Amino acid sequence: MTLEQSGKLLKKKLIPYCASKKAVDTLTFKDIFRHAAKHSLIMEEEAERWFKYRDNRNNTAHDYGRAFAEKTLALIDDFRKDVGRLKEVIEHE
């Protein structure tokens, strides 16, 4: 849920950087984070990690094994930090 909401809230922060709200509404999850990095709302490294989080979430439909669980657990510390950082970006006027 945090992953999905992060993309939706960041999308709202991109409206001033795009031609229209309609243009922002067409962005995919990864495009949202690419544009955020392009406009220096987040760093490129952060965007790359968000891509990993999204890919990991997408893989939950296909993989339930121990190795998958261990990969997911390895992402949690960075995810928590990136969520905190994104919270600051979203709250910043």
Protein backbone atom coordinates (compact mmCIF):
# COMPACT_ATOMS: atom_id res chain seq x y z
CA MET A 1 0.00 0.00 0.00
CA THR A 2 2.85 2.39 0.82
CA LEU A 3 4.41 1.72 -2.57
CA GLU A 4 1.22 2.57 -4.45
CA GLN A 5 0.46 5.68 -2.41
CA SER A 6 4.02 6.92 -2.83
CA GLY A 7 3.63 6.93 -6.59
CA LYS A 8 0.24 8.65 -6.44
CA LEU A 9 1.43 11.37 -4.08
CA LEU A 10 4.64 11.98 -6.01
CA LYS A 11 2.59 12.29 -9.19
CA LYS A 12 0.85 15.32 -7.68
CA LYS A 13 4.24 16.95 -7.03
CA LEU A 14 5.07 16.60 -10.73
CA ILE A 15 2.14 18.63 -12.05
CA PRO A 16 4.09 21.95 -12.12
CA TYR A 17 6.83 20.27 -14.20
CA CYS A 18 4.55 18.88 -16.91
CA ALA A 19 2.49 20.42 -19.68
CA SER A 20 -0.78 19.53 -17.96
CA LYS A 21 -2.35 17.42 -15.23
CA LYS A 22 -3.58 15.15 -18.00
CA ALA A 23 0.02 14.56 -19.10
CA VAL A 24 0.97 13.62 -15.54
CA ASP A 25 -1.97 11.23 -15.33
CA THR A 26 -0.56 9.20 -18.24
CA LEU A 27 2.74 8.48 -16.45
CA THR A 28 3.46 4.94 -15.36
CA PHE A 29 4.82 4.24 -11.88
CA LYS A 30 8.41 4.12 -13.09
CA ASP A 31 7.93 7.21 -15.26
CA ILE A 32 6.76 9.13 -12.20
CA PHE A 33 10.04 8.37 -10.45
CA ARG A 34 12.08 9.05 -13.61
CA HIS A 35 10.49 12.49 -13.92
CA ALA A 36 10.99 13.15 -10.20
CA ALA A 37 14.71 12.42 -10.61
CA LYS A 38 14.88 14.49 -13.81
CA HIS A 39 13.44 17.48 -11.95
CA SER A 40 15.65 16.90 -8.88
CA LEU A 41 12.83 16.02 -6.53
CA ILE A 42 14.69 12.81 -5.76
CA MET A 43 18.14 11.49 -6.68
CA GLU A 44 18.62 9.03 -9.54
CA GLU A 45 19.83 6.40 -7.08
CA GLU A 46 16.58 6.75 -5.17
CA ALA A 47 14.56 6.34 -8.35
CA GLU A 48 16.51 3.17 -9.18
CA ARG A 49 15.69 1.75 -5.76
CA TRP A 50 12.00 2.59 -6.25
CA PHE A 51 12.14 0.60 -9.49
CA LYS A 52 13.49 -2.36 -7.52
CA TYR A 53 10.71 -2.03 -4.94
CA ARG A 54 8.11 -1.98 -7.71
CA ASP A 55 9.65 -4.97 -9.50
CA ASN A 56 9.78 -6.85 -6.22
CA ARG A 57 6.12 -6.11 -5.59
CA ASN A 58 5.22 -7.26 -9.10
CA ASN A 59 7.08 -10.53 -8.55
CA THR A 60 4.95 -11.44 -5.54
CA ALA A 61 2.39 -12.90 -7.94
CA HIS A 62 4.96 -15.35 -9.29
CA ASP A 63 7.35 -16.19 -6.48
CA TYR A 64 6.66 -17.19 -2.91
CA GLY A 65 9.85 -19.08 -2.09
CA ARG A 66 12.41 -18.52 0.60
CA ALA A 67 14.86 -16.80 -1.79
CA PHE A 68 12.19 -14.30 -2.75
CA ALA A 69 11.39 -13.61 0.90
CA GLU A 70 15.09 -13.05 1.62
CA LYS A 71 15.39 -10.61 -1.33
CA THR A 72 12.36 -8.74 -0.05
CA LEU A 73 13.73 -8.54 3.49
CA ALA A 74 17.02 -7.18 2.12
CA LEU A 75 15.11 -4.25 0.59
CA ILE A 76 13.24 -3.20 3.72
CA ASP A 77 15.84 -0.96 5.37
CA ASP A 78 16.40 1.08 2.20
CA PHE A 79 12.66 1.17 1.55
CA ARG A 80 12.00 2.66 4.98
CA LYS A 81 14.67 5.33 4.40
CA ASP A 82 13.39 6.12 0.91
CA VAL A 83 9.81 6.41 2.16
CA GLY A 84 10.96 8.88 4.81
CA ARG A 85 12.86 10.90 2.22
CA LEU A 86 9.89 10.85 -0.16
CA LYS A 87 7.65 12.03 2.68
CA GLU A 88 9.87 15.11 3.00
CA VAL A 89 9.67 15.75 -0.75
CA ILE A 90 5.90 15.40 -0.79
CA GLU A 91 5.40 17.64 2.26
CA HIS A 92 7.78 20.35 0.99
CA GLU A 93 5.99 23.33 -0.47
